[in-house]
Amino acid sequence: MSDALMKNGPGQEDGEVIMTEIVLPSHANSLGTVFGGVIMSWIDIAGAISAQRYCRRTVVTASIDDLAFLHAVKVGWVVQVRARVNFTSRTSMEVGVRVDCENPKTGEWYHTSTAYLTFVALDESGKPTPVAPLVPQSQEQKRRFNDAIKRREFRLKRRGQTRS
C-alpha cells in the first residue's frame, strides 16, 4: 500500500460525504423505530463534515430548512446519509443532505429525509470568514446550485433581509 498523501479524495470538490450508520436499540423509541432527533443529529454531522471538507475551516450550523420524516427506520436497519455543498455565498454554504435507509433482510431501500442546512465558516478567532466560490461543473451540480440560490432567496426574504 502506498504512503502517498492524497490532497483530495473522491468527491472533495463539493465536500461529498457518505456516512453509514446502523440503527441500534439505543437509537430507538418504544416502537422500535429511530428517534427523529437521532436522524437530525446524523444530518447535522454529515452536513458539517461536508462544509468543513469543502472550505477547510471550522464551521457552525446557521440554519436547517424544513425537515420531514418520510419513512420509519427500524432497529437493525442501515441508514445512509449523503451530504454535499450545493452553493456558497461569501462566508456561508448550503449543504444538501439526503437520508435513505435499507432493510438489510430484504435489500429494500427507502427515502427517509432530505434537508438543506446552512453553515458558516469561521476563522481562528471564531469570526465568519470567506469561503471559495463553488463552481458547478456537471448538469446535476448546476441544477443543485440553481435550486440552492432559490432557497437562499426564500430564506433571506423570510428573515426580511436582502441579498448582499
C-alpha atoms as a PDB file:
ATOM      1  CA  MET A   1       0.000   0.000   0.000  1.00  0.00           C
ATOM      2  CA  SER A   2       1.319   3.460  -0.900  1.00  0.00           C
ATOM      3  CA  ASP A   3       2.236   6.017   1.740  1.00  0.00           C
ATOM      4  CA  ALA A   4       1.373   8.846  -0.651  1.00  0.00           C
ATOM      5  CA  LEU A   5      -0.651  11.679   0.856  1.00  0.00           C
ATOM      6  CA  MET A   6      -3.798  12.454  -1.129  1.00  0.00           C
ATOM      7  CA  LYS A   7      -4.662  16.156  -1.188  1.00  0.00           C
ATOM      8  CA  ASN A   8      -8.273  15.456  -2.135  1.00  0.00           C
ATOM      9  CA  GLY A   9     -10.200  12.222  -2.048  1.00  0.00           C
ATOM     10  CA  PRO A  10     -13.126  11.356  -4.312  1.00  0.00           C
ATOM     11  CA  GLY A  11     -15.953  13.892  -4.266  1.00  0.00           C
ATOM     12  CA  GLN A  12     -13.855  16.507  -2.487  1.00  0.00           C
ATOM     13  CA  GLU A  13     -14.625  19.333  -4.906  1.00  0.00           C
ATOM     14  CA  ASP A  14     -18.123  19.668  -3.423  1.00  0.00           C
ATOM     15  CA  GLY A  15     -17.348  18.264   0.029  1.00  0.00           C
ATOM     16  CA  GLU A  16     -19.145  14.976  -0.607  1.00  0.00           C
ATOM     17  CA  VAL A  17     -19.758  12.842   2.479  1.00  0.00           C
ATOM     18  CA  ILE A  18     -21.315   9.386   2.630  1.00  0.00           C
ATOM     19  CA  MET A  19     -21.954   8.278   6.194  1.00  0.00           C
ATOM     20  CA  THR A  20     -23.402   4.883   7.107  1.00  0.00           C
ATOM     21  CA  GLU A  21     -24.988   4.029  10.442  1.00  0.00           C
ATOM     22  CA  ILE A  22     -26.819   1.033  11.838  1.00  0.00           C
ATOM     23  CA  VAL A  23     -29.876   1.679  13.993  1.00  0.00           C
ATOM     24  CA  LEU A  24     -29.215   0.266  17.453  1.00  0.00           C
ATOM     25  CA  PRO A  25     -31.735  -0.157  20.277  1.00  0.00           C
ATOM     26  CA  SER A  26     -30.258   2.947  21.961  1.00  0.00           C
ATOM     27  CA  HIS A  27     -31.309   4.991  18.885  1.00  0.00           C
ATOM     28  CA  ALA A  28     -34.919   3.810  19.030  1.00  0.00           C
ATOM     29  CA  ASN A  29     -38.180   4.687  20.703  1.00  0.00           C
ATOM     30  CA  SER A  30     -40.665   2.246  22.255  1.00  0.00           C
ATOM     31  CA  LEU A  31     -41.986   1.386  18.781  1.00  0.00           C
ATOM     32  CA  GLY A  32     -38.573   0.112  17.688  1.00  0.00           C
ATOM     33  CA  THR A  33     -38.056   2.968  15.229  1.00  0.00           C
ATOM     34  CA  VAL A  34     -35.283   5.532  15.304  1.00  0.00           C
ATOM     35  CA  PHE A  35     -35.841   8.802  17.177  1.00  0.00           C
ATOM     36  CA  GLY A  36     -36.174  11.749  14.795  1.00  0.00           C
ATOM     37  CA  GLY A  37     -33.537  13.586  16.825  1.00  0.00           C
ATOM     38  CA  VAL A  38     -31.001  10.865  16.052  1.00  0.00           C
ATOM     39  CA  ILE A  39     -31.606  11.292  12.310  1.00  0.00           C
ATOM     40  CA  MET A  40     -31.361  15.077  12.773  1.00  0.00           C
ATOM     41  CA  SER A  41     -28.038  14.650  14.560  1.00  0.00           C
ATOM     42  CA  TRP A  42     -26.665  12.461  11.769  1.00  0.00           C
ATOM     43  CA  ILE A  43     -27.848  15.042   9.210  1.00  0.00           C
ATOM     44  CA  ASP A  44     -26.076  17.841  11.091  1.00  0.00           C
ATOM     45  CA  ILE A  45     -22.861  15.825  11.478  1.00  0.00           C
ATOM     46  CA  ALA A  46     -22.708  14.793   7.809  1.00  0.00           C
ATOM     47  CA  GLY A  47     -23.547  18.347   6.730  1.00  0.00           C
ATOM     48  CA  ALA A  48     -20.851  19.845   8.943  1.00  0.00           C
ATOM     49  CA  ILE A  49     -18.229  17.396   7.679  1.00  0.00           C
ATOM     50  CA  SER A  50     -19.211  18.254   4.101  1.00  0.00           C
ATOM     51  CA  ALA A  51     -18.980  22.020   4.688  1.00  0.00           C
ATOM     52  CA  GLN A  52     -15.714  21.700   6.619  1.00  0.00           C
ATOM     53  CA  ARG A  53     -14.253  19.409   3.960  1.00  0.00           C
ATOM     54  CA  TYR A  54     -15.170  21.945   1.273  1.00  0.00           C
ATOM     55  CA  CYS A  55     -13.787  25.079   2.948  1.00  0.00           C
ATOM     56  CA  ARG A  56     -11.099  23.524   5.188  1.00  0.00           C
ATOM     57  CA  ARG A  57     -12.305  25.652   8.100  1.00  0.00           C
ATOM     58  CA  THR A  58     -14.250  25.182  11.298  1.00  0.00           C
ATOM     59  CA  VAL A  59     -17.959  25.591  10.551  1.00  0.00           C
ATOM     60  CA  VAL A  60     -21.102  26.167  12.575  1.00  0.00           C
ATOM     61  CA  THR A  61     -24.690  25.349  11.691  1.00  0.00           C
ATOM     62  CA  ALA A  62     -26.628  28.542  10.974  1.00  0.00           C
ATOM     63  CA  SER A  63     -29.945  27.023   9.895  1.00  0.00           C
ATOM     64  CA  ILE A  64     -31.766  23.938   8.744  1.00  0.00           C
ATOM     65  CA  ASP A  65     -34.735  24.109   6.422  1.00  0.00           C
ATOM     66  CA  ASP A  66     -37.944  22.178   6.963  1.00  0.00           C
ATOM     67  CA  LEU A  67     -37.348  18.542   7.748  1.00  0.00           C
ATOM     68  CA  ALA A  68     -39.914  15.806   7.211  1.00  0.00           C
ATOM     69  CA  PHE A  69     -39.587  12.121   8.035  1.00  0.00           C
ATOM     70  CA  LEU A  70     -40.932  10.206   5.071  1.00  0.00           C
ATOM     71  CA  HIS A  71     -40.347   6.625   6.175  1.00  0.00           C
ATOM     72  CA  ALA A  72     -39.870   4.909   9.536  1.00  0.00           C
ATOM     73  CA  VAL A  73     -36.443   3.383  10.179  1.00  0.00           C
ATOM     74  CA  LYS A  74     -36.387   0.248  12.328  1.00  0.00           C
ATOM     75  CA  VAL A  75     -33.822  -1.169  14.712  1.00  0.00           C
ATOM     76  CA  GLY A  76     -31.274  -3.200  12.770  1.00  0.00           C
ATOM     77  CA  TRP A  77     -31.761  -1.239   9.572  1.00  0.00           C
ATOM     78  CA  VAL A  78     -28.901   0.596   7.869  1.00  0.00           C
ATOM     79  CA  VAL A  79     -29.035   4.360   7.332  1.00  0.00           C
ATOM     80  CA  GLN A  80     -27.055   6.120   4.629  1.00  0.00           C
ATOM     81  CA  VAL A  81     -26.569   9.884   4.952  1.00  0.00           C
ATOM     82  CA  ARG A  82     -25.197  11.673   1.871  1.00  0.00           C
ATOM     83  CA  ALA A  83     -24.158  15.323   2.027  1.00  0.00           C
ATOM     84  CA  ARG A  84     -22.597  17.774  -0.407  1.00  0.00           C
ATOM     85  CA  VAL A  85     -22.191  21.505  -0.787  1.00  0.00           C
ATOM     86  CA  ASN A  86     -24.758  22.911  -3.226  1.00  0.00           C
ATOM     87  CA  PHE A  87     -23.927  26.623  -3.072  1.00  0.00           C
ATOM     88  CA  THR A  88     -21.548  29.069  -1.447  1.00  0.00           C
ATOM     89  CA  SER A  89     -22.046  32.688  -0.521  1.00  0.00           C
ATOM     90  CA  ARG A  90     -19.403  34.977   0.987  1.00  0.00           C
ATOM     91  CA  THR A  91     -18.980  33.142   4.320  1.00  0.00           C
ATOM     92  CA  SER A  92     -21.739  30.542   4.181  1.00  0.00           C
ATOM     93  CA  MET A  93     -22.536  27.337   2.349  1.00  0.00           C
ATOM     94  CA  GLU A  94     -25.742  25.442   1.684  1.00  0.00           C
ATOM     95  CA  VAL A  95     -25.300  21.710   2.142  1.00  0.00           C
ATOM     96  CA  GLY A  96     -27.889  19.274   0.837  1.00  0.00           C
ATOM     97  CA  VAL A  97     -28.332  16.098   2.865  1.00  0.00           C
ATOM     98  CA  ARG A  98     -30.292  13.043   1.761  1.00  0.00           C
ATOM     99  CA  VAL A  99     -31.092  10.189   4.145  1.00  0.00           C
ATOM    100  CA  ASP A 100     -32.029   6.734   2.898  1.00  0.00           C
ATOM    101  CA  CYS A 101     -32.496   3.530   4.848  1.00  0.00           C
ATOM    102  CA  GLU A 102     -32.086  -0.109   3.953  1.00  0.00           C
ATOM    103  CA  ASN A 103     -33.871  -3.128   5.333  1.00  0.00           C
ATOM    104  CA  PRO A 104     -30.851  -5.462   5.315  1.00  0.00           C
ATOM    105  CA  LYS A 105     -33.032  -8.594   5.350  1.00  0.00           C
ATOM    106  CA  THR A 106     -34.847  -7.712   2.122  1.00  0.00           C
ATOM    107  CA  GLY A 107     -32.398  -5.294   0.461  1.00  0.00           C
ATOM    108  CA  GLU A 108     -35.202  -2.747   0.024  1.00  0.00           C
ATOM    109  CA  TRP A 109     -34.238   0.950   0.242  1.00  0.00           C
ATOM    110  CA  TYR A 110     -36.476   3.820   1.357  1.00  0.00           C
ATOM    111  CA  HIS A 111     -36.007   7.581   1.152  1.00  0.00           C
ATOM    112  CA  THR A 112     -36.226   8.827   4.726  1.00  0.00           C
ATOM    113  CA  SER A 113     -35.489  12.576   4.625  1.00  0.00           C
ATOM    114  CA  THR A 114     -33.951  15.437   2.713  1.00  0.00           C
ATOM    115  CA  ALA A 115     -32.638  18.549   4.428  1.00  0.00           C
ATOM    116  CA  TYR A 116     -30.825  21.720   3.441  1.00  0.00           C
ATOM    117  CA  LEU A 117     -28.502  23.241   6.021  1.00  0.00           C
ATOM    118  CA  THR A 118     -26.584  26.490   6.040  1.00  0.00           C
ATOM    119  CA  PHE A 119     -23.118  26.503   7.594  1.00  0.00           C
ATOM    120  CA  VAL A 120     -20.859  29.483   8.259  1.00  0.00           C
ATOM    121  CA  ALA A 121     -17.083  29.167   8.021  1.00  0.00           C
ATOM    122  CA  LEU A 122     -15.091  30.584  10.943  1.00  0.00           C
ATOM    123  CA  ASP A 123     -11.540  31.886  11.178  1.00  0.00           C
ATOM    124  CA  GLU A 124      -9.132  31.151  14.022  1.00  0.00           C
ATOM    125  CA  SER A 125     -10.781  33.795  16.234  1.00  0.00           C
ATOM    126  CA  GLY A 126     -14.291  32.417  15.656  1.00  0.00           C
ATOM    127  CA  LYS A 127     -15.401  35.134  13.239  1.00  0.00           C
ATOM    128  CA  PRO A 128     -17.095  34.436   9.877  1.00  0.00           C
ATOM    129  CA  THR A 129     -14.524  34.122   7.113  1.00  0.00           C
ATOM    130  CA  PRO A 130     -14.845  33.975   3.318  1.00  0.00           C
ATOM    131  CA  VAL A 131     -15.095  30.646   1.526  1.00  0.00           C
ATOM    132  CA  ALA A 132     -14.062  29.829  -2.022  1.00  0.00           C
ATOM    133  CA  PRO A 133     -16.876  30.101  -4.537  1.00  0.00           C
ATOM    134  CA  LEU A 134     -18.360  26.803  -5.667  1.00  0.00           C
ATOM    135  CA  VAL A 135     -18.118  26.406  -9.433  1.00  0.00           C
ATOM    136  CA  PRO A 136     -20.586  23.722 -10.522  1.00  0.00           C
ATOM    137  CA  GLN A 137     -19.320  21.529 -13.352  1.00  0.00           C
ATOM    138  CA  SER A 138     -21.860  18.811 -14.119  1.00  0.00           C
ATOM    139  CA  GLN A 139     -25.501  19.327 -15.063  1.00  0.00           C
ATOM    140  CA  GLU A 140     -26.503  17.846 -11.685  1.00  0.00           C
ATOM    141  CA  GLN A 141     -24.209  20.265  -9.803  1.00  0.00           C
ATOM    142  CA  LYS A 142     -25.599  23.183 -11.814  1.00  0.00           C
ATOM    143  CA  ARG A 143     -29.175  22.113 -11.016  1.00  0.00           C
ATOM    144  CA  ARG A 144     -28.387  21.827  -7.285  1.00  0.00           C
ATOM    145  CA  PHE A 145     -26.594  25.215  -7.390  1.00  0.00           C
ATOM    146  CA  ASN A 146     -29.538  26.984  -9.071  1.00  0.00           C
ATOM    147  CA  ASP A 147     -32.070  25.357  -6.739  1.00  0.00           C
ATOM    148  CA  ALA A 148     -29.933  26.466  -3.774  1.00  0.00           C
ATOM    149  CA  ILE A 149     -29.983  30.075  -4.985  1.00  0.00           C
ATOM    150  CA  LYS A 150     -33.795  29.982  -4.956  1.00  0.00           C
ATOM    151  CA  ARG A 151     -33.864  28.505  -1.429  1.00  0.00           C
ATOM    152  CA  ARG A 152     -31.378  31.149  -0.243  1.00  0.00           C
ATOM    153  CA  GLU A 153     -33.536  33.949  -1.662  1.00  0.00           C
ATOM    154  CA  PHE A 154     -36.554  32.465   0.141  1.00  0.00           C
ATOM    155  CA  ARG A 155     -34.624  32.187   3.439  1.00  0.00           C
ATOM    156  CA  LEU A 156     -33.398  35.779   3.192  1.00  0.00           C
ATOM    157  CA  LYS A 157     -36.862  37.057   2.272  1.00  0.00           C
ATOM    158  CA  ARG A 158     -38.411  35.142   5.179  1.00  0.00           C
ATOM    159  CA  ARG A 159     -35.922  36.778   7.549  1.00  0.00           C
ATOM    160  CA  GLY A 160     -36.556  40.193   5.986  1.00  0.00           C
ATOM    161  CA  GLN A 161     -33.039  40.527   4.626  1.00  0.00           C
ATOM    162  CA  THR A 162     -31.802  41.386   1.182  1.00  0.00           C
ATOM    163  CA  ARG A 163     -29.038  39.679  -0.733  1.00  0.00           C
ATOM    164  CA  SER A 164     -25.625  41.240  -0.275  1.00  0.00           C
END
